Full PDB file with SEQRES, HELIX, SHEET, SSBOND, CRYST1, ORIGX, SCALE, CONECT and MASTER records, all heavy atoms in Angstrom:
SEQRES   1 A   28  GLY TYR VAL GLU LEU ASN ARG SER GLY ILE ASP ASN SER          
SEQRES   2 A   28  ALA GLY ASP GLY PHE THR ILE LEU LEU GLY LEU ALA SER          
SEQRES   3 A   28  ILE SER                                                      
SHEET    1 AA1 2 TYR A   2  LEU A   5  0                                        
SHEET    2 AA1 2 LEU A  24  ILE A  27  1                                        
CRYST1    1.000    1.000    1.000  90.00  90.00  90.00 P 1           1          
ORIGX1      1.000000  0.000000  0.000000        0.00000                         
ORIGX2      0.000000  1.000000  0.000000        0.00000                         
ORIGX3      0.000000  0.000000  1.000000        0.00000                         
SCALE1      1.000000  0.000000  0.000000        0.00000                         
SCALE2      0.000000  1.000000  0.000000        0.00000                         
SCALE3      0.000000  0.000000  1.000000        0.00000                         
ATOM      1  N   GLY A   1    -100.610-242.216-133.049  1.00  0.00           N  
ATOM      2  CA  GLY A   1     -99.173-242.252-133.166  1.00  0.00           C  
ATOM      3  C   GLY A   1     -98.514-243.266-132.259  1.00  0.00           C  
ATOM      4  O   GLY A   1     -99.192-244.144-131.730  1.00  0.00           O  
ATOM      5  N   TYR A   2     -97.213-243.153-132.096  1.00  0.00           N  
ATOM      6  CA  TYR A   2     -96.369-244.054-131.297  1.00  0.00           C  
ATOM      7  C   TYR A   2     -95.483-243.221-130.400  1.00  0.00           C  
ATOM      8  O   TYR A   2     -94.810-242.262-130.808  1.00  0.00           O  
ATOM      9  CB  TYR A   2     -95.522-244.947-132.163  1.00  0.00           C  
ATOM     10  CG  TYR A   2     -94.563-245.769-131.352  1.00  0.00           C  
ATOM     11  CD1 TYR A   2     -95.036-246.905-130.682  1.00  0.00           C  
ATOM     12  CD2 TYR A   2     -93.248-245.431-131.284  1.00  0.00           C  
ATOM     13  CE1 TYR A   2     -94.172-247.676-129.932  1.00  0.00           C  
ATOM     14  CE2 TYR A   2     -92.374-246.199-130.471  1.00  0.00           C  
ATOM     15  CZ  TYR A   2     -92.815-247.301-129.836  1.00  0.00           C  
ATOM     16  OH  TYR A   2     -91.972-248.067-129.087  1.00  0.00           O  
ATOM     17  N   VAL A   3     -95.502-243.557-129.090  1.00  0.00           N  
ATOM     18  CA  VAL A   3     -94.712-242.813-128.106  1.00  0.00           C  
ATOM     19  C   VAL A   3     -93.993-243.774-127.142  1.00  0.00           C  
ATOM     20  O   VAL A   3     -94.582-244.754-126.690  1.00  0.00           O  
ATOM     21  CB  VAL A   3     -95.583-241.854-127.298  1.00  0.00           C  
ATOM     22  CG1 VAL A   3     -94.797-241.154-126.172  1.00  0.00           C  
ATOM     23  CG2 VAL A   3     -96.201-240.790-128.160  1.00  0.00           C  
ATOM     24  N   GLU A   4     -92.725-243.518-126.878  1.00  0.00           N  
ATOM     25  CA  GLU A   4     -91.995-244.226-125.843  1.00  0.00           C  
ATOM     26  C   GLU A   4     -91.724-243.235-124.687  1.00  0.00           C  
ATOM     27  O   GLU A   4     -91.282-242.101-124.897  1.00  0.00           O  
ATOM     28  CB  GLU A   4     -90.632-244.725-126.384  1.00  0.00           C  
ATOM     29  CG  GLU A   4     -90.711-245.848-127.340  1.00  0.00           C  
ATOM     30  CD  GLU A   4     -89.377-246.306-127.817  1.00  0.00           C  
ATOM     31  OE1 GLU A   4     -88.349-246.055-127.102  1.00  0.00           O  
ATOM     32  OE2 GLU A   4     -89.315-246.915-128.876  1.00  0.00           O  
ATOM     33  N   LEU A   5     -92.033-243.681-123.456  1.00  0.00           N  
ATOM     34  CA  LEU A   5     -91.748-242.878-122.248  1.00  0.00           C  
ATOM     35  C   LEU A   5     -90.746-243.698-121.440  1.00  0.00           C  
ATOM     36  O   LEU A   5     -91.111-244.691-120.864  1.00  0.00           O  
ATOM     37  CB  LEU A   5     -93.031-242.654-121.481  1.00  0.00           C  
ATOM     38  CG  LEU A   5     -92.962-241.773-120.239  1.00  0.00           C  
ATOM     39  CD1 LEU A   5     -92.568-240.354-120.584  1.00  0.00           C  
ATOM     40  CD2 LEU A   5     -94.277-241.807-119.457  1.00  0.00           C  
ATOM     41  N   ASN A   6     -89.492-243.256-121.406  1.00  0.00           N  
ATOM     42  CA  ASN A   6     -88.429-243.965-120.746  1.00  0.00           C  
ATOM     43  C   ASN A   6     -87.799-243.160-119.637  1.00  0.00           C  
ATOM     44  O   ASN A   6     -87.458-241.989-119.844  1.00  0.00           O  
ATOM     45  CB  ASN A   6     -87.313-244.352-121.757  1.00  0.00           C  
ATOM     46  CG  ASN A   6     -87.860-245.159-122.913  1.00  0.00           C  
ATOM     47  OD1 ASN A   6     -88.660-246.080-122.733  1.00  0.00           O  
ATOM     48  ND2 ASN A   6     -87.476-244.783-124.131  1.00  0.00           N  
ATOM     49  N   ARG A   7     -87.621-243.746-118.478  1.00  0.00           N  
ATOM     50  CA  ARG A   7     -86.937-243.115-117.345  1.00  0.00           C  
ATOM     51  C   ARG A   7     -87.440-241.677-117.154  1.00  0.00           C  
ATOM     52  O   ARG A   7     -86.639-240.716-117.063  1.00  0.00           O  
ATOM     53  CB  ARG A   7     -85.408-243.102-117.540  1.00  0.00           C  
ATOM     54  CG  ARG A   7     -84.827-244.496-117.463  1.00  0.00           C  
ATOM     55  CD  ARG A   7     -83.372-244.544-117.748  1.00  0.00           C  
ATOM     56  NE  ARG A   7     -82.934-244.087-119.028  1.00  0.00           N  
ATOM     57  CZ  ARG A   7     -83.064-244.775-120.190  1.00  0.00           C  
ATOM     58  NH1 ARG A   7     -83.593-245.943-120.171  1.00  0.00           N  
ATOM     59  NH2 ARG A   7     -82.634-244.224-121.324  1.00  0.00           N  
ATOM     60  N   SER A   8     -88.748-241.483-117.095  1.00  0.00           N  
ATOM     61  CA  SER A   8     -89.355-240.211-116.974  1.00  0.00           C  
ATOM     62  C   SER A   8     -90.424-240.197-115.861  1.00  0.00           C  
ATOM     63  O   SER A   8     -90.735-241.243-115.291  1.00  0.00           O  
ATOM     64  CB  SER A   8     -89.968-239.813-118.319  1.00  0.00           C  
ATOM     65  OG  SER A   8     -89.015-239.688-119.295  1.00  0.00           O  
ATOM     66  N   GLY A   9     -90.997-239.069-115.593  1.00  0.00           N  
ATOM     67  CA  GLY A   9     -91.979-239.001-114.546  1.00  0.00           C  
ATOM     68  C   GLY A   9     -93.020-237.951-114.772  1.00  0.00           C  
ATOM     69  O   GLY A   9     -92.778-236.877-115.428  1.00  0.00           O  
ATOM     70  N   ILE A  10     -94.243-238.239-114.248  1.00  0.00           N  
ATOM     71  CA  ILE A  10     -95.323-237.295-114.297  1.00  0.00           C  
ATOM     72  C   ILE A  10     -95.851-237.159-112.834  1.00  0.00           C  
ATOM     73  O   ILE A  10     -96.138-238.162-112.171  1.00  0.00           O  
ATOM     74  CB  ILE A  10     -96.475-237.777-115.217  1.00  0.00           C  
ATOM     75  CG1 ILE A  10     -95.935-237.949-116.640  1.00  0.00           C  
ATOM     76  CG2 ILE A  10     -97.624-236.849-115.167  1.00  0.00           C  
ATOM     77  CD1 ILE A  10     -96.853-238.711-117.548  1.00  0.00           C  
ATOM     78  N   ASP A  11     -95.886-235.957-112.332  1.00  0.00           N  
ATOM     79  CA  ASP A  11     -96.288-235.752-110.972  1.00  0.00           C  
ATOM     80  C   ASP A  11     -97.234-234.534-110.870  1.00  0.00           C  
ATOM     81  O   ASP A  11     -96.938-233.478-111.386  1.00  0.00           O  
ATOM     82  CB  ASP A  11     -95.051-235.504-110.093  1.00  0.00           C  
ATOM     83  CG  ASP A  11     -95.423-235.472-108.623  1.00  0.00           C  
ATOM     84  OD1 ASP A  11     -96.292-236.269-108.201  1.00  0.00           O  
ATOM     85  OD2 ASP A  11     -94.836-234.631-107.902  1.00  0.00           O  
ATOM     86  N   ASN A  12     -98.347-234.717-110.212  1.00  0.00           N  
ATOM     87  CA  ASN A  12     -99.326-233.664-109.890  1.00  0.00           C  
ATOM     88  C   ASN A  12     -99.918-233.024-111.165  1.00  0.00           C  
ATOM     89  O   ASN A  12     -99.730-231.884-111.423  1.00  0.00           O  
ATOM     90  CB  ASN A  12     -98.619-232.592-109.071  1.00  0.00           C  
ATOM     91  CG  ASN A  12     -99.649-231.738-108.343  1.00  0.00           C  
ATOM     92  OD1 ASN A  12    -100.727-232.175-108.046  1.00  0.00           O  
ATOM     93  ND2 ASN A  12     -99.262-230.503-108.082  1.00  0.00           N  
ATOM     94  N   SER A  13    -100.696-233.872-111.844  1.00  0.00           N  
ATOM     95  CA  SER A  13    -101.456-233.362-113.011  1.00  0.00           C  
ATOM     96  C   SER A  13    -102.891-233.216-112.533  1.00  0.00           C  
ATOM     97  O   SER A  13    -103.456-234.074-111.860  1.00  0.00           O  
ATOM     98  CB  SER A  13    -101.344-234.292-114.205  1.00  0.00           C  
ATOM     99  OG  SER A  13    -101.915-235.512-113.935  1.00  0.00           O  
ATOM    100  N   ALA A  14    -103.553-232.160-112.993  1.00  0.00           N  
ATOM    101  CA  ALA A  14    -104.979-231.974-112.615  1.00  0.00           C  
ATOM    102  C   ALA A  14    -105.862-232.981-113.205  1.00  0.00           C  
ATOM    103  O   ALA A  14    -106.848-233.410-112.616  1.00  0.00           O  
ATOM    104  CB  ALA A  14    -105.396-230.563-113.052  1.00  0.00           C  
ATOM    105  N   GLY A  15    -105.559-233.431-114.415  1.00  0.00           N  
ATOM    106  CA  GLY A  15    -106.387-234.438-115.124  1.00  0.00           C  
ATOM    107  C   GLY A  15    -105.701-235.789-114.960  1.00  0.00           C  
ATOM    108  O   GLY A  15    -105.215-236.143-113.887  1.00  0.00           O  
ATOM    109  N   ASP A  16    -105.644-236.559-116.024  1.00  0.00           N  
ATOM    110  CA  ASP A  16    -104.971-237.845-116.009  1.00  0.00           C  
ATOM    111  C   ASP A  16    -103.462-237.648-116.114  1.00  0.00           C  
ATOM    112  O   ASP A  16    -102.975-236.651-116.665  1.00  0.00           O  
ATOM    113  CB  ASP A  16    -105.423-238.701-117.232  1.00  0.00           C  
ATOM    114  CG  ASP A  16    -106.931-238.957-117.227  1.00  0.00           C  
ATOM    115  OD1 ASP A  16    -107.467-239.196-116.178  1.00  0.00           O  
ATOM    116  OD2 ASP A  16    -107.517-238.971-118.311  1.00  0.00           O  
ATOM    117  N   GLY A  17    -102.737-238.668-115.580  1.00  0.00           N  
ATOM    118  CA  GLY A  17    -101.294-238.581-115.698  1.00  0.00           C  
ATOM    119  C   GLY A  17    -100.808-238.817-117.113  1.00  0.00           C  
ATOM    120  O   GLY A  17    -100.082-238.009-117.668  1.00  0.00           O  
ATOM    121  N   PHE A  18    -101.288-239.895-117.687  1.00  0.00           N  
ATOM    122  CA  PHE A  18    -100.878-240.358-119.049  1.00  0.00           C  
ATOM    123  C   PHE A  18    -102.098-240.837-119.738  1.00  0.00           C  
ATOM    124  O   PHE A  18    -102.767-241.765-119.273  1.00  0.00           O  
ATOM    125  CB  PHE A  18     -99.852-241.460-118.828  1.00  0.00           C  
ATOM    126  CG  PHE A  18     -99.350-242.055-120.162  1.00  0.00           C  
ATOM    127  CD1 PHE A  18     -98.096-241.697-120.624  1.00  0.00           C  
ATOM    128  CD2 PHE A  18    -100.088-243.000-120.860  1.00  0.00           C  
ATOM    129  CE1 PHE A  18     -97.601-242.280-121.811  1.00  0.00           C  
ATOM    130  CE2 PHE A  18     -99.593-243.578-122.001  1.00  0.00           C  
ATOM    131  CZ  PHE A  18     -98.363-243.187-122.476  1.00  0.00           C  
ATOM    132  N   THR A  19    -102.474-240.244-120.878  1.00  0.00           N  
ATOM    133  CA  THR A  19    -103.680-240.632-121.670  1.00  0.00           C  
ATOM    134  C   THR A  19    -103.242-240.954-123.041  1.00  0.00           C  
ATOM    135  O   THR A  19    -102.562-240.121-123.672  1.00  0.00           O  
ATOM    136  CB  THR A  19    -104.733-239.482-121.700  1.00  0.00           C  
ATOM    137  OG1 THR A  19    -105.156-239.196-120.354  1.00  0.00           O  
ATOM    138  CG2 THR A  19    -105.928-239.919-122.485  1.00  0.00           C  
ATOM    139  N   ILE A  20    -103.650-242.101-123.566  1.00  0.00           N  
ATOM    140  CA  ILE A  20    -103.404-242.449-124.960  1.00  0.00           C  
ATOM    141  C   ILE A  20    -104.692-242.932-125.617  1.00  0.00           C  
ATOM    142  O   ILE A  20    -105.316-243.834-125.090  1.00  0.00           O  
ATOM    143  CB  ILE A  20    -102.253-243.456-125.134  1.00  0.00           C  
ATOM    144  CG1 ILE A  20    -102.050-243.749-126.654  1.00  0.00           C  
ATOM    145  CG2 ILE A  20    -102.480-244.713-124.306  1.00  0.00           C  
ATOM    146  CD1 ILE A  20    -100.749-244.469-126.970  1.00  0.00           C  
ATOM    147  N   LEU A  21    -105.051-242.328-126.734  1.00  0.00           N  
ATOM    148  CA  LEU A  21    -106.243-242.688-127.522  1.00  0.00           C  
ATOM    149  C   LEU A  21    -105.778-243.028-128.885  1.00  0.00           C  
ATOM    150  O   LEU A  21    -105.102-242.262-129.540  1.00  0.00           O  
ATOM    151  CB  LEU A  21    -107.241-241.541-127.560  1.00  0.00           C  
ATOM    152  CG  LEU A  21    -107.727-240.945-126.203  1.00  0.00           C  
ATOM    153  CD1 LEU A  21    -108.534-239.717-126.430  1.00  0.00           C  
ATOM    154  CD2 LEU A  21    -108.440-242.004-125.421  1.00  0.00           C  
ATOM    155  N   LEU A  22    -106.129-244.212-129.370  1.00  0.00           N  
ATOM    156  CA  LEU A  22    -105.855-244.643-130.750  1.00  0.00           C  
ATOM    157  C   LEU A  22    -104.408-244.574-131.116  1.00  0.00           C  
ATOM    158  O   LEU A  22    -103.993-244.013-132.132  1.00  0.00           O  
ATOM    159  CB  LEU A  22    -106.664-243.752-131.739  1.00  0.00           C  
ATOM    160  CG  LEU A  22    -108.159-243.708-131.465  1.00  0.00           C  
ATOM    161  CD1 LEU A  22    -108.828-242.681-132.407  1.00  0.00           C  
ATOM    162  CD2 LEU A  22    -108.809-245.080-131.598  1.00  0.00           C  
ATOM    163  N   GLY A  23    -103.576-245.225-130.331  1.00  0.00           N  
ATOM    164  CA  GLY A  23    -102.141-245.201-130.664  1.00  0.00           C  
ATOM    165  C   GLY A  23    -101.403-246.343-130.008  1.00  0.00           C  
ATOM    166  O   GLY A  23    -102.031-247.308-129.468  1.00  0.00           O  
ATOM    167  N   LEU A  24    -100.119-246.315-130.038  1.00  0.00           N  
ATOM    168  CA  LEU A  24     -99.220-247.281-129.409  1.00  0.00           C  
ATOM    169  C   LEU A  24     -98.268-246.571-128.494  1.00  0.00           C  
ATOM    170  O   LEU A  24     -97.816-245.492-128.825  1.00  0.00           O  
ATOM    171  CB  LEU A  24     -98.411-248.062-130.466  1.00  0.00           C  
ATOM    172  CG  LEU A  24     -99.157-248.866-131.521  1.00  0.00           C  
ATOM    173  CD1 LEU A  24     -98.204-249.299-132.592  1.00  0.00           C  
ATOM    174  CD2 LEU A  24     -99.806-250.041-130.836  1.00  0.00           C  
ATOM    175  N   ALA A  25     -97.992-247.171-127.380  1.00  0.00           N  
ATOM    176  CA  ALA A  25     -97.035-246.547-126.420  1.00  0.00           C  
ATOM    177  C   ALA A  25     -96.237-247.634-125.672  1.00  0.00           C  
ATOM    178  O   ALA A  25     -96.737-248.754-125.482  1.00  0.00           O  
ATOM    179  CB  ALA A  25     -97.795-245.688-125.408  1.00  0.00           C  
ATOM    180  N   SER A  26     -95.090-247.265-125.270  1.00  0.00           N  
ATOM    181  CA  SER A  26     -94.201-248.103-124.431  1.00  0.00           C  
ATOM    182  C   SER A  26     -93.773-247.214-123.234  1.00  0.00           C  
ATOM    183  O   SER A  26     -93.318-246.122-123.406  1.00  0.00           O  
ATOM    184  CB  SER A  26     -92.993-248.543-125.217  1.00  0.00           C  
ATOM    185  OG  SER A  26     -92.030-249.133-124.383  1.00  0.00           O  
ATOM    186  N   ILE A  27     -94.009-247.731-122.066  1.00  0.00           N  
ATOM    187  CA  ILE A  27     -93.653-246.997-120.827  1.00  0.00           C  
ATOM    188  C   ILE A  27     -92.633-247.901-120.054  1.00  0.00           C  
ATOM    189  O   ILE A  27     -92.985-249.015-119.755  1.00  0.00           O  
ATOM    190  CB  ILE A  27     -94.836-246.708-119.894  1.00  0.00           C  
ATOM    191  CG1 ILE A  27     -95.924-245.964-120.697  1.00  0.00           C  
ATOM    192  CG2 ILE A  27     -94.429-245.940-118.656  1.00  0.00           C  
ATOM    193  CD1 ILE A  27     -97.243-245.858-119.887  1.00  0.00           C  
ATOM    194  N   SER A  28     -91.455-247.392-119.763  1.00  0.00           N  
ATOM    195  CA  SER A  28     -90.488-248.182-119.016  1.00  0.00           C  
ATOM    196  C   SER A  28     -89.748-247.297-118.004  1.00  0.00           C  
ATOM    197  O   SER A  28     -89.451-246.104-118.298  1.00  0.00           O  
ATOM    198  CB  SER A  28     -89.469-248.872-119.931  1.00  0.00           C  
ATOM    199  OG  SER A  28     -88.676-247.918-120.585  1.00  0.00           O  
TER     200      SER A  28                                                      
MASTER        0    0    0    0    2    0    0    6  199    1    0    3          
END                                                                             
């Protein structure tokens, strides 16, 4: 799929913070 992550945050995850497999993403 496709995901945009804008003006957001990820804090204190046990695994990975942000994982993308077989897709498109924009992080700003």
